[in-house]
PDB file of N, CA and C in Angstrom:
ATOM      1  N   MET A   1     -15.926  -6.695  17.539  1.00  0.00           N
ATOM      2  CA  MET A   1     -16.121  -8.048  17.072  1.00  0.00           C
ATOM      3  C   MET A   1     -17.502  -8.528  17.462  1.00  0.00           C
ATOM      4  N   LEU A   2     -17.914  -8.266  18.657  1.00  0.00           N
ATOM      5  CA  LEU A   2     -19.205  -8.725  19.138  1.00  0.00           C
ATOM      6  C   LEU A   2     -20.329  -8.069  18.360  1.00  0.00           C
ATOM      7  N   ASN A   3     -20.179  -6.784  18.042  1.00  0.00           N
ATOM      8  CA  ASN A   3     -21.198  -6.098  17.247  1.00  0.00           C
ATOM      9  C   ASN A   3     -21.364  -6.756  15.889  1.00  0.00           C
ATOM     10  N   ALA A   4     -20.259  -7.139  15.269  1.00  0.00           N
ATOM     11  CA  ALA A   4     -20.323  -7.785  13.959  1.00  0.00           C
ATOM     12  C   ALA A   4     -21.059  -9.110  14.054  1.00  0.00           C
ATOM     13  N   LEU A   5     -20.819  -9.847  15.118  1.00  0.00           N
ATOM     14  CA  LEU A   5     -21.503 -11.123  15.300  1.00  0.00           C
ATOM     15  C   LEU A   5     -23.000 -10.925  15.494  1.00  0.00           C
ATOM     16  N   ILE A   6     -23.360  -9.951  16.278  1.00  0.00           N
ATOM     17  CA  ILE A   6     -24.782  -9.684  16.522  1.00  0.00           C
ATOM     18  C   ILE A   6     -25.465  -9.245  15.240  1.00  0.00           C
ATOM     19  N   ILE A   7     -24.818  -8.347  14.504  1.00  0.00           N
ATOM     20  CA  ILE A   7     -25.395  -7.871  13.250  1.00  0.00           C
ATOM     21  C   ILE A   7     -25.529  -9.026  12.265  1.00  0.00           C
ATOM     22  N   ALA A   8     -24.507  -9.872  12.171  1.00  0.00           N
ATOM     23  CA  ALA A   8     -24.562 -11.008  11.252  1.00  0.00           C
ATOM     24  C   ALA A   8     -25.677 -11.975  11.651  1.00  0.00           C
ATOM     25  N   ALA A   9     -25.823 -12.196  12.946  1.00  0.00           N
ATOM     26  CA  ALA A   9     -26.872 -13.099  13.415  1.00  0.00           C
ATOM     27  C   ALA A   9     -28.248 -12.530  13.119  1.00  0.00           C
ATOM     28  N   LEU A  10     -28.421 -11.249  13.338  1.00  0.00           N
ATOM     29  CA  LEU A  10     -29.705 -10.621  13.070  1.00  0.00           C
ATOM     30  C   LEU A  10     -30.003 -10.590  11.574  1.00  0.00           C
ATOM     31  N   ALA A  11     -28.979 -10.332  10.775  1.00  0.00           N
ATOM     32  CA  ALA A  11     -29.170 -10.258   9.331  1.00  0.00           C
ATOM     33  C   ALA A  11     -29.477 -11.635   8.754  1.00  0.00           C
ATOM     34  N   ALA A  12     -28.901 -12.665   9.350  1.00  0.00           N
ATOM     35  CA  ALA A  12     -29.115 -14.013   8.845  1.00  0.00           C
ATOM     36  C   ALA A  12     -30.558 -14.467   9.057  1.00  0.00           C
ATOM     37  N   GLY A  13     -31.192 -13.955  10.071  1.00  0.00           N
ATOM     38  CA  GLY A  13     -32.594 -14.281  10.318  1.00  0.00           C
ATOM     39  C   GLY A  13     -32.768 -15.619  11.015  1.00  0.00           C
ATOM     40  N   PRO A  14     -34.003 -15.974  11.332  1.00  0.00           N
ATOM     41  CA  PRO A  14     -34.260 -17.194  12.090  1.00  0.00           C
ATOM     42  C   PRO A  14     -33.927 -18.479  11.338  1.00  0.00           C
ATOM     43  N   ALA A  15     -33.991 -18.466  10.004  1.00  0.00           N
ATOM     44  CA  ALA A  15     -33.709 -19.687   9.249  1.00  0.00           C
ATOM     45  C   ALA A  15     -32.253 -20.116   9.390  1.00  0.00           C
ATOM     46  N   ALA A  16     -31.365 -19.162   9.573  1.00  0.00           N
ATOM     47  CA  ALA A  16     -29.939 -19.464   9.683  1.00  0.00           C
ATOM     48  C   ALA A  16     -29.467 -19.371  11.128  1.00  0.00           C
ATOM     49  N   SER A  17     -30.352 -19.615  12.048  1.00  0.00           N
ATOM     50  CA  SER A  17     -30.044 -19.485  13.462  1.00  0.00           C
ATOM     51  C   SER A  17     -28.909 -20.424  13.866  1.00  0.00           C
ATOM     52  N   ALA A  18     -28.006 -19.914  14.704  1.00  0.00           N
ATOM     53  CA  ALA A  18     -26.888 -20.698  15.213  1.00  0.00           C
ATOM     54  C   ALA A  18     -26.918 -20.633  16.732  1.00  0.00           C
ATOM     55  N   PRO A  19     -26.616 -21.734  17.403  1.00  0.00           N
ATOM     56  CA  PRO A  19     -26.685 -21.747  18.872  1.00  0.00           C
ATOM     57  C   PRO A  19     -25.836 -20.672  19.549  1.00  0.00           C
ATOM     58  N   TYR A  20     -24.624 -20.433  19.038  1.00  0.00           N
ATOM     59  CA  TYR A  20     -23.765 -19.416  19.639  1.00  0.00           C
ATOM     60  C   TYR A  20     -24.408 -18.038  19.531  1.00  0.00           C
ATOM     61  N   ALA A  21     -24.883 -17.697  18.334  1.00  0.00           N
ATOM     62  CA  ALA A  21     -25.524 -16.393  18.130  1.00  0.00           C
ATOM     63  C   ALA A  21     -26.797 -16.285  18.973  1.00  0.00           C
ATOM     64  N   ASP A  22     -27.570 -17.356  19.023  1.00  0.00           N
ATOM     65  CA  ASP A  22     -28.781 -17.347  19.847  1.00  0.00           C
ATOM     66  C   ASP A  22     -28.438 -17.120  21.318  1.00  0.00           C
ATOM     67  N   CYS A  23     -27.362 -17.758  21.764  1.00  0.00           N
ATOM     68  CA  CYS A  23     -26.914 -17.591  23.153  1.00  0.00           C
ATOM     69  C   CYS A  23     -26.544 -16.138  23.420  1.00  0.00           C
ATOM     70  N   LEU A  24     -25.785 -15.543  22.488  1.00  0.00           N
ATOM     71  CA  LEU A  24     -25.415 -14.138  22.656  1.00  0.00           C
ATOM     72  C   LEU A  24     -26.645 -13.245  22.704  1.00  0.00           C
ATOM     73  N   LEU A  25     -27.519 -13.435  21.719  1.00  0.00           N
ATOM     74  CA  LEU A  25     -28.711 -12.587  21.636  1.00  0.00           C
ATOM     75  C   LEU A  25     -29.625 -12.778  22.841  1.00  0.00           C
ATOM     76  N   GLY A  26     -29.633 -13.969  23.395  1.00  0.00           N
ATOM     77  CA  GLY A  26     -30.478 -14.234  24.555  1.00  0.00           C
ATOM     78  C   GLY A  26     -29.925 -13.699  25.863  1.00  0.00           C
ATOM     79  N   ASN A  27     -28.626 -13.440  25.902  1.00  0.00           N
ATOM     80  CA  ASN A  27     -28.008 -13.040  27.173  1.00  0.00           C
ATOM     81  C   ASN A  27     -27.466 -11.615  27.210  1.00  0.00           C
ATOM     82  N   ILE A  28     -27.395 -10.971  26.078  1.00  0.00           N
ATOM     83  CA  ILE A  28     -26.882  -9.602  26.051  1.00  0.00           C
ATOM     84  C   ILE A  28     -28.034  -8.636  26.251  1.00  0.00           C
ATOM     85  N   GLN A  29     -27.815  -7.701  27.145  1.00  0.00           N
ATOM     86  CA  GLN A  29     -28.824  -6.697  27.468  1.00  0.00           C
ATOM     87  C   GLN A  29     -28.181  -5.313  27.444  1.00  0.00           C
ATOM     88  N   PRO A  30     -28.982  -4.292  27.204  1.00  0.00           N
ATOM     89  CA  PRO A  30     -28.433  -2.927  27.250  1.00  0.00           C
ATOM     90  C   PRO A  30     -27.845  -2.634  28.635  1.00  0.00           C
ATOM     91  N   GLY A  31     -26.753  -1.902  28.628  1.00  0.00           N
ATOM     92  CA  GLY A  31     -26.154  -1.468  29.887  1.00  0.00           C
ATOM     93  C   GLY A  31     -25.100  -2.390  30.448  1.00  0.00           C
ATOM     94  N   LEU A  32     -24.839  -3.530  29.807  1.00  0.00           N
ATOM     95  CA  LEU A  32     -23.805  -4.430  30.311  1.00  0.00           C
ATOM     96  C   LEU A  32     -22.430  -3.807  30.075  1.00  0.00           C
ATOM     97  N   THR A  33     -21.524  -4.041  30.989  1.00  0.00           N
ATOM     98  CA  THR A  33     -20.169  -3.520  30.829  1.00  0.00           C
ATOM     99  C   THR A  33     -19.420  -4.335  29.783  1.00  0.00           C
ATOM    100  N   ASP A  34     -18.316  -3.796  29.315  1.00  0.00           N
ATOM    101  CA  ASP A  34     -17.496  -4.521  28.338  1.00  0.00           C
ATOM    102  C   ASP A  34     -17.026  -5.851  28.919  1.00  0.00           C
ATOM    103  N   ARG A  35     -16.644  -5.834  30.179  1.00  0.00           N
ATOM    104  CA  ARG A  35     -16.169  -7.069  30.832  1.00  0.00           C
ATOM    105  C   ARG A  35     -17.291  -8.102  30.910  1.00  0.00           C
ATOM    106  N   THR A  36     -18.490  -7.661  31.218  1.00  0.00           N
ATOM    107  CA  THR A  36     -19.619  -8.582  31.289  1.00  0.00           C
ATOM    108  C   THR A  36     -19.925  -9.151  29.913  1.00  0.00           C
ATOM    109  N   LEU A  37     -19.842  -8.312  28.883  1.00  0.00           N
ATOM    110  CA  LEU A  37     -20.055  -8.789  27.518  1.00  0.00           C
ATOM    111  C   LEU A  37     -19.024  -9.854  27.145  1.00  0.00           C
ATOM    112  N   GLN A  38     -17.776  -9.641  27.559  1.00  0.00           N
ATOM    113  CA  GLN A  38     -16.741 -10.635  27.288  1.00  0.00           C
ATOM    114  C   GLN A  38     -17.055 -11.955  27.984  1.00  0.00           C
ATOM    115  N   LEU A  39     -17.542 -11.866  29.218  1.00  0.00           N
ATOM    116  CA  LEU A  39     -17.883 -13.080  29.958  1.00  0.00           C
ATOM    117  C   LEU A  39     -19.044 -13.815  29.302  1.00  0.00           C
ATOM    118  N   VAL A  40     -20.034 -13.076  28.830  1.00  0.00           N
ATOM    119  CA  VAL A  40     -21.163 -13.699  28.127  1.00  0.00           C
ATOM    120  C   VAL A  40     -20.643 -14.382  26.860  1.00  0.00           C
ATOM    121  N   GLN A  41     -19.792 -13.692  26.129  1.00  0.00           N
ATOM    122  CA  GLN A  41     -19.228 -14.260  24.903  1.00  0.00           C
ATOM    123  C   GLN A  41     -18.449 -15.539  25.211  1.00  0.00           C
ATOM    124  N   GLN A  42     -17.631 -15.514  26.254  1.00  0.00           N
ATOM    125  CA  GLN A  42     -16.852 -16.696  26.619  1.00  0.00           C
ATOM    126  C   GLN A  42     -17.755 -17.844  27.049  1.00  0.00           C
ATOM    127  N   ALA A  43     -18.787 -17.542  27.806  1.00  0.00           N
ATOM    128  CA  ALA A  43     -19.709 -18.586  28.259  1.00  0.00           C
ATOM    129  C   ALA A  43     -20.450 -19.205  27.083  1.00  0.00           C
ATOM    130  N   CYS A  44     -20.909 -18.375  26.157  1.00  0.00           N
ATOM    131  CA  CYS A  44     -21.610 -18.887  24.971  1.00  0.00           C
ATOM    132  C   CYS A  44     -20.665 -19.706  24.092  1.00  0.00           C
ATOM    133  N   ALA A  45     -19.415 -19.260  23.974  1.00  0.00           N
ATOM    134  CA  ALA A  45     -18.427 -19.993  23.179  1.00  0.00           C
ATOM    135  C   ALA A  45     -18.144 -21.351  23.813  1.00  0.00           C
ATOM    136  N   ALA A  46     -18.046 -21.401  25.126  1.00  0.00           N
ATOM    137  CA  ALA A  46     -17.795 -22.661  25.815  1.00  0.00           C
ATOM    138  C   ALA A  46     -18.997 -23.603  25.699  1.00  0.00           C
ATOM    139  N   LYS A  47     -20.183 -23.052  25.697  1.00  0.00           N
ATOM    140  CA  LYS A  47     -21.404 -23.853  25.636  1.00  0.00           C
ATOM    141  C   LYS A  47     -21.666 -24.371  24.219  1.00  0.00           C
ATOM    142  N   HIS A  48     -21.245 -23.586  23.195  1.00  0.00           N
ATOM    143  CA  HIS A  48     -21.512 -23.936  21.785  1.00  0.00           C
ATOM    144  C   HIS A  48     -20.233 -23.780  20.962  1.00  0.00           C
ATOM    145  N   PRO A  49     -19.218 -24.636  21.195  1.00  0.00           N
ATOM    146  CA  PRO A  49     -17.922 -24.448  20.519  1.00  0.00           C
ATOM    147  C   PRO A  49     -17.985 -24.565  19.001  1.00  0.00           C
ATOM    148  N   ASP A  50     -18.764 -25.498  18.469  1.00  0.00           N
ATOM    149  CA  ASP A  50     -18.826 -25.651  17.005  1.00  0.00           C
ATOM    150  C   ASP A  50     -19.448 -24.424  16.355  1.00  0.00           C
ATOM    151  N   SER A  51     -20.516 -23.949  16.946  1.00  0.00           N
ATOM    152  CA  SER A  51     -21.185 -22.762  16.419  1.00  0.00           C
ATOM    153  C   SER A  51     -20.292 -21.529  16.570  1.00  0.00           C
ATOM    154  N   PHE A  52     -19.542 -21.464  17.666  1.00  0.00           N
ATOM    155  CA  PHE A  52     -18.609 -20.361  17.888  1.00  0.00           C
ATOM    156  C   PHE A  52     -17.543 -20.342  16.795  1.00  0.00           C
ATOM    157  N   ILE A  53     -16.991 -21.511  16.470  1.00  0.00           N
ATOM    158  CA  ILE A  53     -15.960 -21.604  15.433  1.00  0.00           C
ATOM    159  C   ILE A  53     -16.528 -21.147  14.097  1.00  0.00           C
ATOM    160  N   ALA A  54     -17.748 -21.554  13.790  1.00  0.00           N
ATOM    161  CA  ALA A  54     -18.385 -21.138  12.537  1.00  0.00           C
ATOM    162  C   ALA A  54     -18.590 -19.622  12.519  1.00  0.00           C
ATOM    163  N   ALA A  55     -18.987 -19.057  13.657  1.00  0.00           N
ATOM    164  CA  ALA A  55     -19.196 -17.612  13.738  1.00  0.00           C
ATOM    165  C   ALA A  55     -17.873 -16.863  13.566  1.00  0.00           C
ATOM    166  N   MET A  56     -16.797 -17.376  14.161  1.00  0.00           N
ATOM    167  CA  MET A  56     -15.495 -16.732  14.013  1.00  0.00           C
ATOM    168  C   MET A  56     -15.001 -16.825  12.573  1.00  0.00           C
ATOM    169  N   GLU A  57     -15.260 -17.956  11.930  1.00  0.00           N
ATOM    170  CA  GLU A  57     -14.866 -18.112  10.523  1.00  0.00           C
ATOM    171  C   GLU A  57     -15.644 -17.134   9.644  1.00  0.00           C
ATOM    172  N   MET A  58     -16.928 -16.971   9.932  1.00  0.00           N
ATOM    173  CA  MET A  58     -17.737 -16.018   9.173  1.00  0.00           C
ATOM    174  C   MET A  58     -17.222 -14.600   9.396  1.00  0.00           C
ATOM    175  N   GLU A  59     -16.892 -14.272  10.630  1.00  0.00           N
ATOM    176  CA  GLU A  59     -16.362 -12.935  10.922  1.00  0.00           C
ATOM    177  C   GLU A  59     -15.024 -12.713  10.218  1.00  0.00           C
ATOM    178  N   ARG A  60     -14.170 -13.731  10.196  1.00  0.00           N
ATOM    179  CA  ARG A  60     -12.881 -13.633   9.510  1.00  0.00           C
ATOM    180  C   ARG A  60     -13.097 -13.410   8.017  1.00  0.00           C
ATOM    181  N   LYS A  61     -14.033 -14.154   7.447  1.00  0.00           N
ATOM    182  CA  LYS A  61     -14.331 -14.022   6.021  1.00  0.00           C
ATOM    183  C   LYS A  61     -14.832 -12.618   5.705  1.00  0.00           C
ATOM    184  N   PHE A  62     -15.776 -12.117   6.492  1.00  0.00           N
ATOM    185  CA  PHE A  62     -16.296 -10.771   6.270  1.00  0.00           C
ATOM    186  C   PHE A  62     -15.214  -9.724   6.478  1.00  0.00           C
ATOM    187  N   GLY A  63     -14.362  -9.924   7.466  1.00  0.00           N
ATOM    188  CA  GLY A  63     -13.259  -8.997   7.715  1.00  0.00           C
ATOM    189  C   GLY A  63     -12.291  -8.954   6.545  1.00  0.00           C
ATOM    190  N   ASN A  64     -11.974 -10.123   5.994  1.00  0.00           N
ATOM    191  CA  ASN A  64     -11.078 -10.177   4.836  1.00  0.00           C
ATOM    192  C   ASN A  64     -11.696  -9.504   3.620  1.00  0.00           C
ATOM    193  N   GLN A  65     -13.002  -9.718   3.426  1.00  0.00           N
ATOM    194  CA  GLN A  65     -13.683  -9.069   2.309  1.00  0.00           C
ATOM    195  C   GLN A  65     -13.668  -7.554   2.477  1.00  0.00           C
ATOM    196  N   ARG A  66     -13.939  -7.093   3.669  1.00  0.00           N
ATOM    197  CA  ARG A  66     -13.954  -5.651   3.924  1.00  0.00           C
ATOM    198  C   ARG A  66     -12.556  -5.060   3.752  1.00  0.00           C
ATOM    199  N   ARG A  67     -11.537  -5.786   4.239  1.00  0.00           N
ATOM    200  CA  ARG A  67     -10.151  -5.316   4.093  1.00  0.00           C
ATOM    201  C   ARG A  67      -9.779  -5.220   2.618  1.00  0.00           C
ATOM    202  N   ALA A  68     -10.174  -6.212   1.812  1.00  0.00           N
ATOM    203  CA  ALA A  68      -9.899  -6.180   0.379  1.00  0.00           C
ATOM    204  C   ALA A  68     -10.619  -5.007  -0.279  1.00  0.00           C
ATOM    205  N   GLN A  69     -11.842  -4.743   0.149  1.00  0.00           N
ATOM    206  CA  GLN A  69     -12.596  -3.616  -0.400  1.00  0.00           C
ATOM    207  C   GLN A  69     -11.920  -2.290  -0.049  1.00  0.00           C
ATOM    208  N   ILE A  70     -11.490  -2.154   1.184  1.00  0.00           N
ATOM    209  CA  ILE A  70     -10.810  -0.927   1.626  1.00  0.00           C
ATOM    210  C   ILE A  70      -9.502  -0.753   0.855  1.00  0.00           C
ATOM    211  N   ASP A  71      -8.748  -1.847   0.677  1.00  0.00           N
ATOM    212  CA  ASP A  71      -7.485  -1.769  -0.071  1.00  0.00           C
ATOM    213  C   ASP A  71      -7.733  -1.350  -1.516  1.00  0.00           C
ATOM    214  N   ALA A  72      -8.780  -1.901  -2.137  1.00  0.00           N
ATOM    215  CA  ALA A  72      -9.104  -1.540  -3.526  1.00  0.00           C
ATOM    216  C   ALA A  72      -9.511  -0.069  -3.610  1.00  0.00           C
ATOM    217  N   GLU A  73     -10.300   0.390  -2.647  1.00  0.00           N
ATOM    218  CA  GLU A  73     -10.712   1.798  -2.637  1.00  0.00           C
ATOM    219  C   GLU A  73      -9.513   2.716  -2.426  1.00  0.00           C
ATOM    220  N   ARG A  74      -8.608   2.326  -1.556  1.00  0.00           N
ATOM    221  CA  ARG A  74      -7.408   3.119  -1.310  1.00  0.00           C
ATOM    222  C   ARG A  74      -6.537   3.177  -2.563  1.00  0.00           C
ATOM    223  N   ALA A  75      -6.365   2.040  -3.234  1.00  0.00           N
ATOM    224  CA  ALA A  75      -5.556   2.014  -4.457  1.00  0.00           C
ATOM    225  C   ALA A  75      -6.185   2.897  -5.535  1.00  0.00           C
ATOM    226  N   GLU A  76      -7.492   2.834  -5.678  1.00  0.00           N
ATOM    227  CA  GLU A  76      -8.175   3.682  -6.661  1.00  0.00           C
ATOM    228  C   GLU A  76      -8.017   5.153  -6.312  1.00  0.00           C
ATOM    229  N   SER A  77      -8.126   5.473  -5.032  1.00  0.00           N
ATOM    230  CA  SER A  77      -7.955   6.852  -4.585  1.00  0.00           C
ATOM    231  C   SER A  77      -6.535   7.337  -4.880  1.00  0.00           C
ATOM    232  N   GLU A  78      -5.553   6.481  -4.650  1.00  0.00           N
ATOM    233  CA  GLU A  78      -4.163   6.851  -4.938  1.00  0.00           C
ATOM    234  C   GLU A  78      -3.949   7.041  -6.440  1.00  0.00           C
ATOM    235  N   ARG A  79      -4.579   6.180  -7.264  1.00  0.00           N
ATOM    236  CA  ARG A  79      -4.468   6.343  -8.721  1.00  0.00           C
ATOM    237  C   ARG A  79      -5.074   7.676  -9.151  1.00  0.00           C
ATOM    238  N   GLN A  80      -6.231   8.008  -8.587  1.00  0.00           N
ATOM    239  CA  GLN A  80      -6.878   9.276  -8.924  1.00  0.00           C
ATOM    240  C   GLN A  80      -6.026  10.458  -8.474  1.00  0.00           C
ATOM    241  N   MET A  81      -5.434  10.343  -7.298  1.00  0.00           N
ATOM    242  CA  MET A  81      -4.581  11.413  -6.782  1.00  0.00           C
ATOM    243  C   MET A  81      -3.355  11.580  -7.675  1.00  0.00           C
ATOM    244  N   ASP A  82      -2.740  10.475  -8.079  1.00  0.00           N
ATOM    245  CA  ASP A  82      -1.583  10.545  -8.980  1.00  0.00           C
ATOM    246  C   ASP A  82      -1.963  11.212 -10.295  1.00  0.00           C
ATOM    247  N   ALA A  83      -3.114  10.843 -10.845  1.00  0.00           N
ATOM    248  CA  ALA A  83      -3.567  11.437 -12.108  1.00  0.00           C
ATOM    249  C   ALA A  83      -3.820  12.928 -11.931  1.00  0.00           C
ATOM    250  N   ALA A  84      -4.397  13.333 -10.812  1.00  0.00           N
ATOM    251  CA  ALA A  84      -4.665  14.747 -10.553  1.00  0.00           C
ATOM    252  C   ALA A  84      -3.362  15.524 -10.408  1.00  0.00           C
ATOM    253  N   VAL A  85      -2.387  14.945  -9.723  1.00  0.00           N
ATOM    254  CA  VAL A  85      -1.089  15.608  -9.557  1.00  0.00           C
ATOM    255  C   VAL A  85      -0.401  15.763 -10.912  1.00  0.00           C
ATOM    256  N   LYS A  86      -0.436  14.705 -11.735  1.00  0.00           N
ATOM    257  CA  LYS A  86       0.181  14.786 -13.066  1.00  0.00           C
ATOM    258  C   LYS A  86      -0.505  15.850 -13.910  1.00  0.00           C
ATOM    259  N   ALA A  87      -1.830  15.902 -13.862  1.00  0.00           N
ATOM    260  CA  ALA A  87      -2.575  16.906 -14.630  1.00  0.00           C
ATOM    261  C   ALA A  87      -2.253  18.311 -14.136  1.00  0.00           C
ATOM    262  N   ALA A  88      -2.161  18.491 -12.817  1.00  0.00           N
ATOM    263  CA  ALA A  88      -1.834  19.805 -12.259  1.00  0.00           C
ATOM    264  C   ALA A  88      -0.419  20.211 -12.648  1.00  0.00           C
ATOM    265  N   ASN A  89       0.513  19.271 -12.610  1.00  0.00           N
ATOM    266  CA  ASN A  89       1.891  19.572 -13.010  1.00  0.00           C
ATOM    267  C   ASN A  89       1.971  19.938 -14.488  1.00  0.00           C
ATOM    268  N   ALA A  90       1.238  19.211 -15.328  1.00  0.00           N
ATOM    269  CA  ALA A  90       1.230  19.513 -16.764  1.00  0.00           C
ATOM    270  C   ALA A  90       0.627  20.892 -17.010  1.00  0.00           C
ATOM    271  N   ALA A  91      -0.453  21.221 -16.288  1.00  0.00           N
ATOM    272  CA  ALA A  91      -1.077  22.542 -16.443  1.00  0.00           C
ATOM    273  C   ALA A  91      -0.131  23.640 -15.981  1.00  0.00           C
ATOM    274  N   ALA A  92       0.569  23.409 -14.881  1.00  0.00           N
ATOM    275  CA  ALA A  92       1.516  24.405 -14.376  1.00  0.00           C
ATOM    276  C   ALA A  92       2.675  24.596 -15.345  1.00  0.00           C
ATOM    277  N   THR A  93       3.159  23.492 -15.901  1.00  0.00           N
ATOM    278  CA  THR A  93       4.253  23.570 -16.885  1.00  0.00           C
ATOM    279  C   THR A  93       3.806  24.347 -18.116  1.00  0.00           C
ATOM    280  N   GLU A  94       2.597  24.057 -18.600  1.00  0.00           N
ATOM    281  CA  GLU A  94       2.070  24.766 -19.772  1.00  0.00           C
ATOM    282  C   GLU A  94       1.856  26.245 -19.462  1.00  0.00           C
ATOM    283  N   ALA A  95       1.347  26.543 -18.273  1.00  0.00           N
ATOM    284  CA  ALA A  95       1.142  27.944 -17.884  1.00  0.00           C
ATOM    285  C   ALA A  95       2.475  28.684 -17.810  1.00  0.00           C
ATOM    286  N   GLN A  96       3.496  28.019 -17.286  1.00  0.00           N
ATOM    287  CA  GLN A  96       4.825  28.642 -17.217  1.00  0.00           C
ATOM    288  C   GLN A  96       5.385  28.875 -18.616  1.00  0.00           C
ATOM    289  N   ALA A  97       5.205  27.890 -19.484  1.00  0.00           N
ATOM    290  CA  ALA A  97       5.688  28.037 -20.861  1.00  0.00           C
ATOM    291  C   ALA A  97       4.964  29.189 -21.555  1.00  0.00           C
ATOM    292  N   ALA A  98       3.658  29.303 -21.348  1.00  0.00           N
ATOM    293  CA  ALA A  98       2.890  30.406 -21.946  1.00  0.00           C
ATOM    294  C   ALA A  98       3.363  31.741 -21.389  1.00  0.00           C
ATOM    295  N   ALA A  99       3.645  31.802 -20.104  1.00  0.00           N
ATOM    296  CA  ALA A  99       4.134  33.035 -19.493  1.00  0.00           C
ATOM    297  C   ALA A  99       5.505  33.385 -20.047  1.00  0.00           C
ATOM    298  N   ASP A 100       6.351  32.377 -20.217  1.00  0.00           N
ATOM    299  CA  ASP A 100       7.676  32.614 -20.784  1.00  0.00           C
ATOM    300  C   ASP A 100       7.578  33.121 -22.230  1.00  0.00           C
ATOM    301  N   ARG A 101       6.680  32.520 -23.013  1.00  0.00           N
ATOM    302  CA  ARG A 101       6.490  32.984 -24.399  1.00  0.00           C
ATOM    303  C   ARG A 101       5.984  34.426 -24.419  1.00  0.00           C
ATOM    304  N   GLU A 102       5.053  34.728 -23.535  1.00  0.00           N
ATOM    305  CA  GLU A 102       4.501  36.094 -23.473  1.00  0.00           C
ATOM    306  C   GLU A 102       5.588  37.076 -23.058  1.00  0.00           C
ATOM    307  N   ALA A 103       6.411  36.686 -22.092  1.00  0.00           N
ATOM    308  CA  ALA A 103       7.498  37.570 -21.647  1.00  0.00           C
ATOM    309  C   ALA A 103       8.485  37.804 -22.783  1.00  0.00           C
ATOM    310  N   ALA A 104       8.806  36.735 -23.539  1.00  0.00           N
ATOM    311  CA  ALA A 104       9.744  36.861 -24.667  1.00  0.00           C
ATOM    312  C   ALA A 104       9.136  37.751 -25.748  1.00  0.00           C
ATOM    313  N   ARG A 105       7.847  37.601 -26.004  1.00  0.00           N
ATOM    314  CA  ARG A 105       7.178  38.421 -27.005  1.00  0.00           C
ATOM    315  C   ARG A 105       7.164  39.886 -26.562  1.00  0.00           C
ATOM    316  N   ALA A 106       6.870  40.117 -25.293  1.00  0.00           N
ATOM    317  CA  ALA A 106       6.850  41.493 -24.764  1.00  0.00           C
ATOM    318  C   ALA A 106       8.246  42.101 -24.811  1.00  0.00           C
ATOM    319  N   LYS A 107       9.265  41.307 -24.535  1.00  0.00           N
ATOM    320  CA  LYS A 107      10.638  41.786 -24.574  1.00  0.00           C
ATOM    321  C   LYS A 107      11.045  42.111 -26.005  1.00  0.00           C
ATOM    322  N   GLY A 108      10.613  41.260 -26.960  1.00  0.00           N
ATOM    323  CA  GLY A 108      10.909  41.507 -28.372  1.00  0.00           C
ATOM    324  C   GLY A 108      10.190  42.739 -28.898  1.00  0.00           C
ATOM    325  N   ALA A 109       8.974  42.979 -28.441  1.00  0.00           N
ATOM    326  CA  ALA A 109       8.207  44.138 -28.881  1.00  0.00           C
ATOM    327  C   ALA A 109       8.760  45.424 -28.276  1.00  0.00           C
ATOM    328  N   ALA A 110       9.408  45.330 -27.132  1.00  0.00           N
ATOM    329  CA  ALA A 110       9.944  46.495 -26.457  1.00  0.00           C
ATOM    330  C   ALA A 110      11.230  46.984 -27.108  1.00  0.00           C
ATOM    331  N   LYS A 111      11.881  46.199 -27.896  1.00  0.00           N
ATOM    332  CA  LYS A 111      13.166  46.572 -28.508  1.00  0.00           C
ATOM    333  C   LYS A 111      12.989  47.565 -29.586  1.00  0.00           C
TER     334      LYS A 111
END
C-alpha cells in the first residue's frame, strides 16, 4: 500500500502535491524497517488527516480499477481457453471419425 502511495505521489508531480504524500516522501529513507515505515505512515496520517483520506480514496480507486482490469483479463483468458478446448475436441472428434471411416474402408476392401 505504501509503495502505491509513493508511486502515485511521484507520478502526480509537484503541481498535485499533497501534504500527506509530502510527509511520507520527506520522512521515508532507504533501510527503514517495515514497523518504522508503518509508524511514519501513521504519524503523517495523524498530521494530515484530510490529505490522508484523499490518498486512501485514490488508492481505493486505483485498486478497484486494477481489480476490474484483472477480472476482465481473466474472463477473456477463460473465453479463449474454452474456445481452444472446443476446437481441440472438434478436431479430435473429426480425427476419430476419419479413422473410423478409414478402418471401415480397409475392412470393406479386405473382404
